[in-house]
Amino acid sequence: MAASFVFHDTEGDAGYSIRLHPLVTDNMATKFRTRLAFPTEFAEATRPMAATLDARMSLDVGDCGAYVDLRMD
């Protein structure tokens, strides 16, 4: 997974989150070119993580593709 650290301040609700971008590493599917998961692959790519995380986790799609946002505040 690729990760970024995001600071946010929405209507006085300041905090931060860790944004995780799932990668597809299946060489048969990607022809040996690791890439970000497409939105259609997102549920499968995040299933192991989604089973262990709580309500702080949200799934979304942004400019860089699908991601998991983990609020840390």
PDB file of N, CA and C in Angstrom:
ATOM      1  N   MET A   1       0.832  -1.180   0.000  1.00  0.00           N
ATOM      2  CA  MET A   1       0.000   0.000   0.000  1.00  0.00           C
ATOM      3  C   MET A   1       0.869   1.233   0.000  1.00  0.00           C
ATOM      4  N   ALA A   2       0.424   2.199  -0.753  1.00  0.00           N
ATOM      5  CA  ALA A   2       1.030   3.524  -0.685  1.00  0.00           C
ATOM      6  C   ALA A   2       0.283   4.283   0.397  1.00  0.00           C
ATOM      7  N   ALA A   3       0.950   5.183   1.103  1.00  0.00           N
ATOM      8  CA  ALA A   3       0.312   5.896   2.208  1.00  0.00           C
ATOM      9  C   ALA A   3       0.649   7.378   2.154  1.00  0.00           C
ATOM     10  N   SER A   4      -0.268   8.183   2.674  1.00  0.00           N
ATOM     11  CA  SER A   4      -0.019   9.615   2.826  1.00  0.00           C
ATOM     12  C   SER A   4      -0.600  10.063   4.162  1.00  0.00           C
ATOM     13  N   PHE A   5      -0.058  11.118   4.693  1.00  0.00           N
ATOM     14  CA  PHE A   5      -0.484  11.685   5.959  1.00  0.00           C
ATOM     15  C   PHE A   5      -1.266  12.946   5.617  1.00  0.00           C
ATOM     16  N   VAL A   6      -2.529  13.042   6.036  1.00  0.00           N
ATOM     17  CA  VAL A   6      -3.408  14.134   5.617  1.00  0.00           C
ATOM     18  C   VAL A   6      -3.877  14.921   6.830  1.00  0.00           C
ATOM     19  N   PHE A   7      -3.683  16.240   6.793  1.00  0.00           N
ATOM     20  CA  PHE A   7      -4.221  17.127   7.818  1.00  0.00           C
ATOM     21  C   PHE A   7      -5.530  17.705   7.289  1.00  0.00           C
ATOM     22  N   HIS A   8      -6.547  17.802   8.140  1.00  0.00           N
ATOM     23  CA  HIS A   8      -7.821  18.356   7.697  1.00  0.00           C
ATOM     24  C   HIS A   8      -8.397  19.261   8.776  1.00  0.00           C
ATOM     25  N   ASP A   9      -9.182  20.210   8.325  1.00  0.00           N
ATOM     26  CA  ASP A   9      -9.880  21.126   9.227  1.00  0.00           C
ATOM     27  C   ASP A   9     -11.212  21.458   8.569  1.00  0.00           C
ATOM     28  N   THR A  10     -12.248  20.742   8.970  1.00  0.00           N
ATOM     29  CA  THR A  10     -13.568  20.950   8.401  1.00  0.00           C
ATOM     30  C   THR A  10     -14.493  21.518   9.469  1.00  0.00           C
ATOM     31  N   GLU A  11     -14.885  22.749   9.283  1.00  0.00           N
ATOM     32  CA  GLU A  11     -15.821  23.396  10.200  1.00  0.00           C
ATOM     33  C   GLU A  11     -15.401  23.242  11.665  1.00  0.00           C
ATOM     34  N   GLY A  12     -14.139  23.536  11.950  1.00  0.00           N
ATOM     35  CA  GLY A  12     -13.640  23.478  13.313  1.00  0.00           C
ATOM     36  C   GLY A  12     -13.273  22.090  13.796  1.00  0.00           C
ATOM     37  N   ASP A  13     -13.407  21.093  12.959  1.00  0.00           N
ATOM     38  CA  ASP A  13     -13.072  19.710  13.322  1.00  0.00           C
ATOM     39  C   ASP A  13     -11.688  19.374  12.777  1.00  0.00           C
ATOM     40  N   ALA A  14     -10.664  19.929  13.400  1.00  0.00           N
ATOM     41  CA  ALA A  14      -9.293  19.723  12.930  1.00  0.00           C
ATOM     42  C   ALA A  14      -8.791  18.359  13.370  1.00  0.00           C
ATOM     43  N   GLY A  15      -7.937  17.779  12.555  1.00  0.00           N
ATOM     44  CA  GLY A  15      -7.353  16.494  12.894  1.00  0.00           C
ATOM     45  C   GLY A  15      -6.466  15.996  11.765  1.00  0.00           C
ATOM     46  N   TYR A  16      -6.163  14.734  11.818  1.00  0.00           N
ATOM     47  CA  TYR A  16      -5.335  14.156  10.773  1.00  0.00           C
ATOM     48  C   TYR A  16      -5.771  12.719  10.516  1.00  0.00           C
ATOM     49  N   SER A  17      -5.353  12.228   9.378  1.00  0.00           N
ATOM     50  CA  SER A  17      -5.669  10.851   9.020  1.00  0.00           C
ATOM     51  C   SER A  17      -4.529  10.271   8.200  1.00  0.00           C
ATOM     52  N   ILE A  18      -4.512   8.985   8.150  1.00  0.00           N
ATOM     53  CA  ILE A  18      -3.574   8.262   7.291  1.00  0.00           C
ATOM     54  C   ILE A  18      -4.394   7.734   6.129  1.00  0.00           C
ATOM     55  N   ARG A  19      -3.987   8.068   4.922  1.00  0.00           N
ATOM     56  CA  ARG A  19      -4.697   7.650   3.724  1.00  0.00           C
ATOM     57  C   ARG A  19      -3.898   6.539   3.050  1.00  0.00           C
ATOM     58  N   LEU A  20      -4.537   5.386   2.896  1.00  0.00           N
ATOM     59  CA  LEU A  20      -3.894   4.216   2.305  1.00  0.00           C
ATOM     60  C   LEU A  20      -4.463   3.947   0.918  1.00  0.00           C
ATOM     61  N   HIS A  21      -3.582   3.805  -0.044  1.00  0.00           N
ATOM     62  CA  HIS A  21      -3.969   3.524  -1.419  1.00  0.00           C
ATOM     63  C   HIS A  21      -3.573   2.079  -1.740  1.00  0.00           C
ATOM     64  N   PRO A  22      -4.539   1.173  -1.865  1.00  0.00           N
ATOM     65  CA  PRO A  22      -4.223  -0.233  -2.125  1.00  0.00           C
ATOM     66  C   PRO A  22      -3.538  -0.408  -3.490  1.00  0.00           C
ATOM     67  N   LEU A  23      -2.545  -1.267  -3.509  1.00  0.00           N
ATOM     68  CA  LEU A  23      -1.827  -1.593  -4.742  1.00  0.00           C
ATOM     69  C   LEU A  23      -2.198  -2.995  -5.205  1.00  0.00           C
ATOM     70  N   VAL A  24      -2.221  -3.182  -6.518  1.00  0.00           N
ATOM     71  CA  VAL A  24      -2.423  -4.514  -7.091  1.00  0.00           C
ATOM     72  C   VAL A  24      -1.047  -5.043  -7.466  1.00  0.00           C
ATOM     73  N   THR A  25      -0.684  -6.174  -6.888  1.00  0.00           N
ATOM     74  CA  THR A  25       0.648  -6.746  -7.131  1.00  0.00           C
ATOM     75  C   THR A  25       0.577  -8.113  -7.789  1.00  0.00           C
ATOM     76  N   ASP A  26      -0.597  -8.522  -8.220  1.00  0.00           N
ATOM     77  CA  ASP A  26      -0.765  -9.804  -8.905  1.00  0.00           C
ATOM     78  C   ASP A  26      -0.149  -9.687 -10.294  1.00  0.00           C
ATOM     79  N   ASN A  27       1.002 -10.326 -10.489  1.00  0.00           N
ATOM     80  CA  ASN A  27       1.722 -10.195 -11.747  1.00  0.00           C
ATOM     81  C   ASN A  27       0.931 -10.688 -12.952  1.00  0.00           C
ATOM     82  N   MET A  28       0.057 -11.648 -12.758  1.00  0.00           N
ATOM     83  CA  MET A  28      -0.758 -12.122 -13.877  1.00  0.00           C
ATOM     84  C   MET A  28      -1.778 -11.048 -14.287  1.00  0.00           C
ATOM     85  N   ALA A  29      -2.326 -10.347 -13.323  1.00  0.00           N
ATOM     86  CA  ALA A  29      -3.329  -9.317 -13.618  1.00  0.00           C
ATOM     87  C   ALA A  29      -2.696  -8.035 -14.142  1.00  0.00           C
ATOM     88  N   THR A  30      -1.482  -7.717 -13.678  1.00  0.00           N
ATOM     89  CA  THR A  30      -0.867  -6.436 -14.029  1.00  0.00           C
ATOM     90  C   THR A  30       0.256  -6.556 -15.051  1.00  0.00           C
ATOM     91  N   LYS A  31       0.539  -7.777 -15.504  1.00  0.00           N
ATOM     92  CA  LYS A  31       1.648  -8.016 -16.436  1.00  0.00           C
ATOM     93  C   LYS A  31       2.957  -7.451 -15.873  1.00  0.00           C
ATOM     94  N   PHE A  32       3.190  -7.735 -14.585  1.00  0.00           N
ATOM     95  CA  PHE A  32       4.415  -7.377 -13.872  1.00  0.00           C
ATOM     96  C   PHE A  32       4.593  -5.865 -13.709  1.00  0.00           C
ATOM     97  N   ARG A  33       3.476  -5.135 -13.637  1.00  0.00           N
ATOM     98  CA  ARG A  33       3.529  -3.688 -13.418  1.00  0.00           C
ATOM     99  C   ARG A  33       2.597  -3.345 -12.262  1.00  0.00           C
ATOM    100  N   THR A  34       3.155  -3.248 -11.065  1.00  0.00           N
ATOM    101  CA  THR A  34       2.374  -2.904  -9.883  1.00  0.00           C
ATOM    102  C   THR A  34       1.664  -1.576 -10.127  1.00  0.00           C
ATOM    103  N   ARG A  35       0.408  -1.495  -9.689  1.00  0.00           N
ATOM    104  CA  ARG A  35      -0.371  -0.271  -9.907  1.00  0.00           C
ATOM    105  C   ARG A  35      -1.372  -0.096  -8.768  1.00  0.00           C
ATOM    106  N   LEU A  36      -1.947   1.101  -8.677  1.00  0.00           N
ATOM    107  CA  LEU A  36      -3.007   1.353  -7.717  1.00  0.00           C
ATOM    108  C   LEU A  36      -4.232   0.533  -8.100  1.00  0.00           C
ATOM    109  N   ALA A  37      -4.989   0.101  -7.113  1.00  0.00           N
ATOM    110  CA  ALA A  37      -6.205  -0.665  -7.370  1.00  0.00           C
ATOM    111  C   ALA A  37      -7.250   0.235  -8.018  1.00  0.00           C
ATOM    112  N   PHE A  38      -7.918  -0.298  -9.026  1.00  0.00           N
ATOM    113  CA  PHE A  38      -9.032   0.408  -9.651  1.00  0.00           C
ATOM    114  C   PHE A  38     -10.222   0.355  -8.690  1.00  0.00           C
ATOM    115  N   PRO A  39     -11.151   1.298  -8.803  1.00  0.00           N
ATOM    116  CA  PRO A  39     -12.337   1.260  -7.924  1.00  0.00           C
ATOM    117  C   PRO A  39     -13.065  -0.082  -7.975  1.00  0.00           C
ATOM    118  N   THR A  40     -13.059  -0.751  -9.114  1.00  0.00           N
ATOM    119  CA  THR A  40     -13.730  -2.052  -9.224  1.00  0.00           C
ATOM    120  C   THR A  40     -13.004  -3.150  -8.447  1.00  0.00           C
ATOM    121  N   GLU A  41     -11.719  -2.962  -8.138  1.00  0.00           N
ATOM    122  CA  GLU A  41     -10.918  -3.944  -7.388  1.00  0.00           C
ATOM    123  C   GLU A  41     -10.788  -3.566  -5.916  1.00  0.00           C
ATOM    124  N   PHE A  42     -11.298  -2.407  -5.575  1.00  0.00           N
ATOM    125  CA  PHE A  42     -11.072  -1.826  -4.262  1.00  0.00           C
ATOM    126  C   PHE A  42     -11.607  -2.699  -3.130  1.00  0.00           C
ATOM    127  N   ALA A  43     -12.819  -3.200  -3.247  1.00  0.00           N
ATOM    128  CA  ALA A  43     -13.412  -4.009  -2.169  1.00  0.00           C
ATOM    129  C   ALA A  43     -12.572  -5.242  -1.883  1.00  0.00           C
ATOM    130  N   GLU A  44     -12.120  -5.907  -2.918  1.00  0.00           N
ATOM    131  CA  GLU A  44     -11.292  -7.103  -2.728  1.00  0.00           C
ATOM    132  C   GLU A  44      -9.938  -6.740  -2.118  1.00  0.00           C
ATOM    133  N   ALA A  45      -9.352  -5.626  -2.552  1.00  0.00           N
ATOM    134  CA  ALA A  45      -8.033  -5.225  -2.057  1.00  0.00           C
ATOM    135  C   ALA A  45      -8.062  -4.804  -0.595  1.00  0.00           C
ATOM    136  N   THR A  46      -9.193  -4.295  -0.130  1.00  0.00           N
ATOM    137  CA  THR A  46      -9.265  -3.806   1.248  1.00  0.00           C
ATOM    138  C   THR A  46      -9.982  -4.766   2.198  1.00  0.00           C
ATOM    139  N   ARG A  47     -10.469  -5.889   1.709  1.00  0.00           N
ATOM    140  CA  ARG A  47     -11.222  -6.833   2.549  1.00  0.00           C
ATOM    141  C   ARG A  47     -10.456  -7.265   3.799  1.00  0.00           C
ATOM    142  N   PRO A  48      -9.185  -7.662   3.718  1.00  0.00           N
ATOM    143  CA  PRO A  48      -8.481  -8.088   4.941  1.00  0.00           C
ATOM    144  C   PRO A  48      -8.390  -6.970   5.983  1.00  0.00           C
ATOM    145  N   MET A  49      -8.206  -5.753   5.547  1.00  0.00           N
ATOM    146  CA  MET A  49      -8.084  -4.637   6.474  1.00  0.00           C
ATOM    147  C   MET A  49      -9.455  -4.248   7.032  1.00  0.00           C
ATOM    148  N   ALA A  50     -10.484  -4.254   6.202  1.00  0.00           N
ATOM    149  CA  ALA A  50     -11.814  -3.836   6.624  1.00  0.00           C
ATOM    150  C   ALA A  50     -12.365  -4.731   7.731  1.00  0.00           C
ATOM    151  N   ALA A  51     -11.959  -5.978   7.758  1.00  0.00           N
ATOM    152  CA  ALA A  51     -12.457  -6.912   8.768  1.00  0.00           C
ATOM    153  C   ALA A  51     -11.919  -6.589  10.163  1.00  0.00           C
ATOM    154  N   THR A  52     -10.828  -5.837  10.252  1.00  0.00           N
ATOM    155  CA  THR A  52     -10.207  -5.593  11.549  1.00  0.00           C
ATOM    156  C   THR A  52     -10.309  -4.148  12.033  1.00  0.00           C
ATOM    157  N   LEU A  53     -10.799  -3.235  11.203  1.00  0.00           N
ATOM    158  CA  LEU A  53     -10.849  -1.821  11.590  1.00  0.00           C
ATOM    159  C   LEU A  53     -12.254  -1.405  11.986  1.00  0.00           C
ATOM    160  N   ASP A  54     -12.338  -0.279  12.666  1.00  0.00           N
ATOM    161  CA  ASP A  54     -13.625   0.177  13.180  1.00  0.00           C
ATOM    162  C   ASP A  54     -14.172   1.361  12.382  1.00  0.00           C
ATOM    163  N   ALA A  55     -15.037   2.117  12.998  1.00  0.00           N
ATOM    164  CA  ALA A  55     -15.727   3.220  12.339  1.00  0.00           C
ATOM    165  C   ALA A  55     -14.804   4.371  11.930  1.00  0.00           C
ATOM    166  N   ARG A  56     -13.577   4.374  12.396  1.00  0.00           N
ATOM    167  CA  ARG A  56     -12.656   5.440  11.987  1.00  0.00           C
ATOM    168  C   ARG A  56     -12.259   5.297  10.524  1.00  0.00           C
ATOM    169  N   MET A  57     -12.557   4.160   9.919  1.00  0.00           N
ATOM    170  CA  MET A  57     -12.134   3.894   8.548  1.00  0.00           C
ATOM    171  C   MET A  57     -13.237   4.282   7.575  1.00  0.00           C
ATOM    172  N   SER A  58     -12.876   5.017   6.529  1.00  0.00           N
ATOM    173  CA  SER A  58     -13.830   5.310   5.472  1.00  0.00           C
ATOM    174  C   SER A  58     -13.185   4.982   4.129  1.00  0.00           C
ATOM    175  N   LEU A  59     -13.989   4.558   3.201  1.00  0.00           N
ATOM    176  CA  LEU A  59     -13.531   4.207   1.862  1.00  0.00           C
ATOM    177  C   LEU A  59     -14.019   5.277   0.903  1.00  0.00           C
ATOM    178  N   ASP A  60     -13.139   5.749   0.014  1.00  0.00           N
ATOM    179  CA  ASP A  60     -13.519   6.826  -0.896  1.00  0.00           C
ATOM    180  C   ASP A  60     -12.675   6.760  -2.159  1.00  0.00           C
ATOM    181  N   VAL A  61     -13.020   7.574  -3.137  1.00  0.00           N
ATOM    182  CA  VAL A  61     -12.258   7.692  -4.376  1.00  0.00           C
ATOM    183  C   VAL A  61     -11.914   9.161  -4.550  1.00  0.00           C
ATOM    184  N   GLY A  62     -10.636   9.440  -4.805  1.00  0.00           N
ATOM    185  CA  GLY A  62     -10.180  10.809  -4.999  1.00  0.00           C
ATOM    186  C   GLY A  62      -9.422  10.948  -6.305  1.00  0.00           C
ATOM    187  N   ASP A  63      -8.683  12.032  -6.435  1.00  0.00           N
ATOM    188  CA  ASP A  63      -7.918  12.299  -7.658  1.00  0.00           C
ATOM    189  C   ASP A  63      -6.894  11.213  -7.957  1.00  0.00           C
ATOM    190  N   CYS A  64      -6.346  10.602  -6.911  1.00  0.00           N
ATOM    191  CA  CYS A  64      -5.319   9.573  -7.086  1.00  0.00           C
ATOM    192  C   CYS A  64      -5.897   8.164  -7.114  1.00  0.00           C
ATOM    193  N   GLY A  65      -7.201   8.031  -7.087  1.00  0.00           N
ATOM    194  CA  GLY A  65      -7.825   6.718  -7.097  1.00  0.00           C
ATOM    195  C   GLY A  65      -8.494   6.384  -5.775  1.00  0.00           C
ATOM    196  N   ALA A  66      -8.856   5.119  -5.628  1.00  0.00           N
ATOM    197  CA  ALA A  66      -9.551   4.652  -4.430  1.00  0.00           C
ATOM    198  C   ALA A  66      -8.587   4.627  -3.243  1.00  0.00           C
ATOM    199  N   TYR A  67      -9.123   4.920  -2.056  1.00  0.00           N
ATOM    200  CA  TYR A  67      -8.270   4.910  -0.863  1.00  0.00           C
ATOM    201  C   TYR A  67      -9.086   4.602   0.385  1.00  0.00           C
ATOM    202  N   VAL A  68      -8.363   4.231   1.432  1.00  0.00           N
ATOM    203  CA  VAL A  68      -8.918   4.027   2.765  1.00  0.00           C
ATOM    204  C   VAL A  68      -8.410   5.179   3.618  1.00  0.00           C
ATOM    205  N   ASP A  69      -9.307   5.861   4.299  1.00  0.00           N
ATOM    206  CA  ASP A  69      -8.930   6.981   5.158  1.00  0.00           C
ATOM    207  C   ASP A  69      -9.113   6.563   6.597  1.00  0.00           C
ATOM    208  N   LEU A  70      -8.039   6.580   7.377  1.00  0.00           N
ATOM    209  CA  LEU A  70      -8.088   6.209   8.800  1.00  0.00           C
ATOM    210  C   LEU A  70      -7.906   7.463   9.638  1.00  0.00           C
ATOM    211  N   ARG A  71      -8.990   7.911  10.253  1.00  0.00           N
ATOM    212  CA  ARG A  71      -8.890   9.096  11.116  1.00  0.00           C
ATOM    213  C   ARG A  71      -8.135   8.736  12.377  1.00  0.00           C
ATOM    214  N   MET A  72      -7.197   9.579  12.746  1.00  0.00           N
ATOM    215  CA  MET A  72      -6.335   9.308  13.889  1.00  0.00           C
ATOM    216  C   MET A  72      -6.593  10.251  15.049  1.00  0.00           C
ATOM    217  N   ASP A  73      -7.678  11.003  14.997  1.00  0.00           N
ATOM    218  CA  ASP A  73      -7.947  11.956  16.078  1.00  0.00           C
ATOM    219  C   ASP A  73      -9.193  11.561  16.846  1.00  0.00           C
TER     220      ASP A  73
END
